Every structure is written in structure tokens, then in C-alpha cells.
N, C-alpha and C. Protein backbone atom coordinates (compact mmCIF):
# COMPACT_ATOMS: atom_id res chain seq x y z
N MET A 1 70.12 117.78 2.06
CA MET A 1 71.56 117.67 1.89
C MET A 1 71.93 116.35 1.19
N VAL A 2 71.27 115.26 1.55
CA VAL A 2 71.54 113.98 0.90
C VAL A 2 71.14 114.04 -0.56
N HIS A 3 70.03 114.70 -0.85
CA HIS A 3 69.58 114.79 -2.22
C HIS A 3 70.52 115.62 -3.07
N GLU A 4 71.14 116.62 -2.46
CA GLU A 4 72.08 117.45 -3.20
C GLU A 4 73.30 116.63 -3.62
N ALA A 5 73.82 115.80 -2.73
CA ALA A 5 74.98 114.98 -3.06
C ALA A 5 74.63 113.92 -4.10
N ALA A 6 73.42 113.36 -4.02
CA ALA A 6 73.02 112.33 -4.97
C ALA A 6 72.79 112.91 -6.36
N SER A 7 72.40 114.15 -6.43
CA SER A 7 72.14 114.76 -7.73
C SER A 7 73.38 115.42 -8.33
N ASP A 8 74.51 115.38 -7.64
CA ASP A 8 75.75 115.98 -8.15
C ASP A 8 76.25 115.15 -9.32
N PRO A 9 76.45 115.74 -10.49
CA PRO A 9 76.89 114.97 -11.65
C PRO A 9 78.33 114.47 -11.52
N ARG A 10 79.09 115.00 -10.59
CA ARG A 10 80.47 114.55 -10.42
C ARG A 10 80.59 113.34 -9.50
N LEU A 11 79.51 112.97 -8.83
CA LEU A 11 79.55 111.87 -7.87
C LEU A 11 79.84 110.53 -8.54
N GLY A 12 79.20 110.25 -9.65
CA GLY A 12 79.41 108.98 -10.36
C GLY A 12 80.86 108.76 -10.77
N PRO A 13 81.47 109.69 -11.50
CA PRO A 13 82.88 109.51 -11.87
C PRO A 13 83.82 109.46 -10.66
N CYS A 14 83.48 110.22 -9.62
CA CYS A 14 84.32 110.20 -8.41
C CYS A 14 84.30 108.82 -7.76
N LEU A 15 83.11 108.24 -7.60
CA LEU A 15 83.00 106.90 -7.01
C LEU A 15 83.65 105.86 -7.91
N SER A 16 83.47 106.01 -9.21
CA SER A 16 84.08 105.06 -10.15
C SER A 16 85.60 105.09 -10.05
N ASP A 17 86.18 106.28 -9.98
CA ASP A 17 87.64 106.40 -9.83
C ASP A 17 88.12 105.80 -8.52
N TRP A 18 87.37 106.04 -7.46
CA TRP A 18 87.75 105.53 -6.14
C TRP A 18 87.70 104.01 -6.11
N ILE A 19 86.63 103.43 -6.67
CA ILE A 19 86.50 101.98 -6.68
C ILE A 19 87.57 101.35 -7.56
N THR A 20 87.88 101.99 -8.70
CA THR A 20 88.90 101.46 -9.60
C THR A 20 90.28 101.45 -8.93
N THR A 21 90.63 102.52 -8.22
CA THR A 21 91.93 102.54 -7.55
C THR A 21 92.00 101.50 -6.44
N LEU A 22 90.90 101.28 -5.72
CA LEU A 22 90.90 100.24 -4.70
C LEU A 22 90.99 98.86 -5.33
N HIS A 23 90.26 98.64 -6.41
CA HIS A 23 90.23 97.33 -7.05
C HIS A 23 91.61 96.92 -7.57
N PHE A 24 92.32 97.84 -8.17
CA PHE A 24 93.62 97.51 -8.75
C PHE A 24 94.77 97.66 -7.76
N GLY A 25 94.48 98.03 -6.52
CA GLY A 25 95.50 98.09 -5.48
C GLY A 25 96.48 99.24 -5.64
N SER A 26 96.05 100.30 -6.24
CA SER A 26 96.97 101.43 -6.43
C SER A 26 96.81 102.50 -5.36
N VAL A 27 96.18 102.16 -4.25
CA VAL A 27 95.96 103.14 -3.18
C VAL A 27 97.24 103.35 -2.38
N TRP A 28 97.80 102.28 -1.82
CA TRP A 28 99.01 102.41 -1.01
C TRP A 28 100.18 101.63 -1.61
N GLY A 29 100.07 101.28 -2.85
CA GLY A 29 101.18 100.65 -3.55
C GLY A 29 101.42 99.21 -3.14
N LEU A 30 102.69 98.84 -3.12
CA LEU A 30 103.09 97.46 -2.85
C LEU A 30 102.69 96.97 -1.45
N PRO A 31 102.81 97.77 -0.38
CA PRO A 31 102.38 97.26 0.93
C PRO A 31 100.91 96.84 0.95
N MET A 32 100.07 97.59 0.26
CA MET A 32 98.65 97.24 0.21
C MET A 32 98.43 95.95 -0.57
N LYS A 33 99.16 95.77 -1.67
CA LYS A 33 99.04 94.54 -2.46
C LYS A 33 99.50 93.33 -1.66
N VAL A 34 100.57 93.49 -0.89
CA VAL A 34 101.07 92.39 -0.05
C VAL A 34 100.05 92.06 1.04
N LEU A 35 99.48 93.08 1.66
CA LEU A 35 98.49 92.88 2.71
C LEU A 35 97.26 92.16 2.16
N VAL A 36 96.75 92.61 1.03
CA VAL A 36 95.57 91.98 0.45
C VAL A 36 95.88 90.54 0.03
N SER A 37 97.07 90.30 -0.51
CA SER A 37 97.46 88.94 -0.88
C SER A 37 97.55 88.04 0.34
N ALA A 38 98.12 88.54 1.43
CA ALA A 38 98.24 87.76 2.66
C ALA A 38 96.86 87.43 3.22
N ILE A 39 95.95 88.39 3.19
CA ILE A 39 94.59 88.14 3.66
C ILE A 39 93.92 87.08 2.79
N GLY A 40 94.15 87.13 1.49
CA GLY A 40 93.59 86.12 0.59
C GLY A 40 94.11 84.73 0.88
N VAL A 41 95.41 84.62 1.16
CA VAL A 41 96.00 83.32 1.48
C VAL A 41 95.45 82.81 2.81
N ILE A 42 95.29 83.68 3.79
CA ILE A 42 94.75 83.28 5.09
C ILE A 42 93.32 82.77 4.93
N ILE A 43 92.51 83.46 4.14
CA ILE A 43 91.13 83.02 3.91
C ILE A 43 91.12 81.66 3.23
N TYR A 44 92.01 81.45 2.27
CA TYR A 44 92.09 80.15 1.57
C TYR A 44 92.47 79.04 2.56
N ILE A 45 93.47 79.28 3.39
CA ILE A 45 93.92 78.26 4.35
C ILE A 45 92.82 77.94 5.36
N LEU A 46 92.15 78.97 5.86
CA LEU A 46 91.06 78.73 6.82
C LEU A 46 89.93 77.94 6.18
N SER A 47 89.59 78.26 4.93
CA SER A 47 88.53 77.53 4.24
C SER A 47 88.92 76.07 4.05
N LEU A 48 90.15 75.84 3.66
CA LEU A 48 90.63 74.47 3.47
C LEU A 48 90.62 73.71 4.79
N THR A 49 91.02 74.36 5.87
CA THR A 49 91.05 73.73 7.18
C THR A 49 89.64 73.33 7.63
N VAL A 50 88.67 74.19 7.37
CA VAL A 50 87.28 73.87 7.75
C VAL A 50 86.81 72.63 7.00
N VAL A 51 87.12 72.54 5.72
CA VAL A 51 86.70 71.38 4.93
C VAL A 51 87.37 70.11 5.46
N VAL A 52 88.67 70.19 5.79
CA VAL A 52 89.38 69.01 6.30
C VAL A 52 88.79 68.56 7.64
N VAL A 53 88.54 69.49 8.54
CA VAL A 53 87.97 69.15 9.84
C VAL A 53 86.57 68.55 9.67
N TRP A 54 85.76 69.15 8.80
CA TRP A 54 84.42 68.62 8.55
C TRP A 54 84.51 67.21 7.97
N TRP A 55 85.41 67.00 7.02
CA TRP A 55 85.55 65.69 6.39
C TRP A 55 85.93 64.62 7.41
N ARG A 56 86.87 64.96 8.29
CA ARG A 56 87.29 63.99 9.32
C ARG A 56 86.15 63.67 10.26
N GLU A 57 85.41 64.69 10.70
CA GLU A 57 84.29 64.45 11.61
C GLU A 57 83.21 63.60 10.95
N ALA A 58 82.89 63.89 9.71
CA ALA A 58 81.87 63.11 9.00
C ALA A 58 82.35 61.68 8.80
N HIS A 59 83.62 61.51 8.48
CA HIS A 59 84.17 60.17 8.28
C HIS A 59 84.13 59.38 9.59
N CYS A 60 84.53 59.99 10.67
CA CYS A 60 84.52 59.31 11.97
C CYS A 60 83.10 59.00 12.41
N GLN A 61 82.18 59.91 12.16
CA GLN A 61 80.80 59.66 12.56
C GLN A 61 80.23 58.49 11.77
N ARG A 62 80.53 58.41 10.49
CA ARG A 62 80.06 57.29 9.68
C ARG A 62 80.66 55.99 10.19
N ARG A 63 81.93 56.01 10.56
CA ARG A 63 82.57 54.80 11.08
C ARG A 63 81.94 54.37 12.40
N ARG A 64 81.60 55.35 13.25
CA ARG A 64 80.98 55.02 14.53
C ARG A 64 79.61 54.40 14.32
N LEU A 65 78.85 54.89 13.34
CA LEU A 65 77.53 54.34 13.08
C LEU A 65 77.61 52.92 12.52
N GLU A 66 78.66 52.64 11.74
CA GLU A 66 78.83 51.30 11.18
C GLU A 66 79.30 50.31 12.25
N GLY A 67 79.90 50.82 13.28
CA GLY A 67 80.41 49.95 14.33
C GLY A 67 81.88 49.64 14.12
N PRO A 68 82.54 49.14 15.14
CA PRO A 68 83.97 48.85 15.02
C PRO A 68 84.21 47.72 14.02
N SER A 69 85.30 47.83 13.33
CA SER A 69 85.67 46.79 12.37
C SER A 69 87.06 46.29 12.70
N LEU A 70 87.49 45.29 11.97
CA LEU A 70 88.82 44.73 12.19
C LEU A 70 89.91 45.60 11.58
N GLU A 71 89.52 46.56 10.72
CA GLU A 71 90.51 47.39 10.03
C GLU A 71 91.20 48.36 10.95
N GLY A 72 90.51 48.92 11.90
CA GLY A 72 91.13 49.80 12.87
C GLY A 72 90.84 51.28 12.74
N PRO A 73 90.44 51.85 11.58
CA PRO A 73 90.22 53.30 11.52
C PRO A 73 89.12 53.77 12.45
N ALA A 74 88.08 52.95 12.64
CA ALA A 74 87.01 53.35 13.54
C ALA A 74 87.54 53.48 14.96
N ASP A 75 88.46 52.59 15.34
CA ASP A 75 89.04 52.68 16.68
C ASP A 75 89.85 53.95 16.83
N ARG A 76 90.56 54.32 15.78
CA ARG A 76 91.32 55.57 15.84
C ARG A 76 90.38 56.75 15.99
N CYS A 77 89.26 56.74 15.28
CA CYS A 77 88.27 57.82 15.41
C CYS A 77 87.72 57.86 16.82
N MET A 78 87.37 56.70 17.33
CA MET A 78 86.80 56.65 18.67
C MET A 78 87.80 57.13 19.71
N SER A 79 89.05 56.73 19.56
CA SER A 79 90.03 57.18 20.55
C SER A 79 90.29 58.67 20.43
N ALA A 80 90.27 59.21 19.21
CA ALA A 80 90.47 60.65 19.04
C ALA A 80 89.30 61.41 19.63
N ILE A 81 88.09 60.89 19.44
CA ILE A 81 86.92 61.55 19.99
C ILE A 81 86.92 61.43 21.51
N GLY A 82 87.31 60.29 22.01
CA GLY A 82 87.39 60.11 23.46
C GLY A 82 88.40 61.05 24.09
N GLN A 83 89.54 61.24 23.43
CA GLN A 83 90.54 62.17 23.95
C GLN A 83 90.02 63.59 23.91
N LYS A 84 89.27 63.93 22.85
CA LYS A 84 88.73 65.28 22.75
C LYS A 84 87.71 65.52 23.84
N SER A 85 86.83 64.53 24.09
CA SER A 85 85.80 64.73 25.11
C SER A 85 86.40 64.78 26.51
N ARG A 86 87.48 64.00 26.73
CA ARG A 86 88.14 64.05 28.04
C ARG A 86 88.81 65.40 28.26
N SER A 87 89.36 66.00 27.20
CA SER A 87 90.04 67.27 27.35
C SER A 87 89.05 68.39 27.59
N LEU A 88 87.78 68.24 27.12
CA LEU A 88 86.78 69.25 27.33
C LEU A 88 86.22 69.24 28.74
N SER A 89 86.23 68.09 29.41
CA SER A 89 85.65 68.03 30.75
C SER A 89 86.68 68.22 31.82
């Protein structure tokens, strides 16, 4: 049965038409385009948030390894980390 479907000469154009309609968003019209756009924006925001959180953690870790300075950012990192660890326990 699987071989019969794979050897059907109409299968290629059928799949191509289906993929093309999905790609261009013509399946459910404007609501589908809005949904896909919203999902794209959410993925972008989440990706940006991950980078920002990673950057802050790496920056604070580097400051902790260098030791406290007179400038103060390391103290802010330490206090933020201390607050986070206190909230977890």
C-alpha cells in the first residue's frame, strides 16, 4: 500500500501544491497570517531575552571572578545573585 502511494504520479504535484499554499499563507487567509506573524514575533522576543539573560550572567560572573571594585557594578551583580539565591531557598 505504501509503495502504491509513492509510485502515484499525482503525489508530487499534490505535495508541491500543498506546501506552496502553506508557505504563502493562503490556507486560512488573514487569521493564519496574523497567527504565524505573532508566533514569529514571540520567537524573536524569546531569543532576544535569552541572549540578554546570558549576557548579564556572563558579565556578573566575570565581575565576581575579578573581585569587587570601587566602581560598584560587581556589588550590584553580587546583590542580585544573593537575592536570587535567597528567593530559591
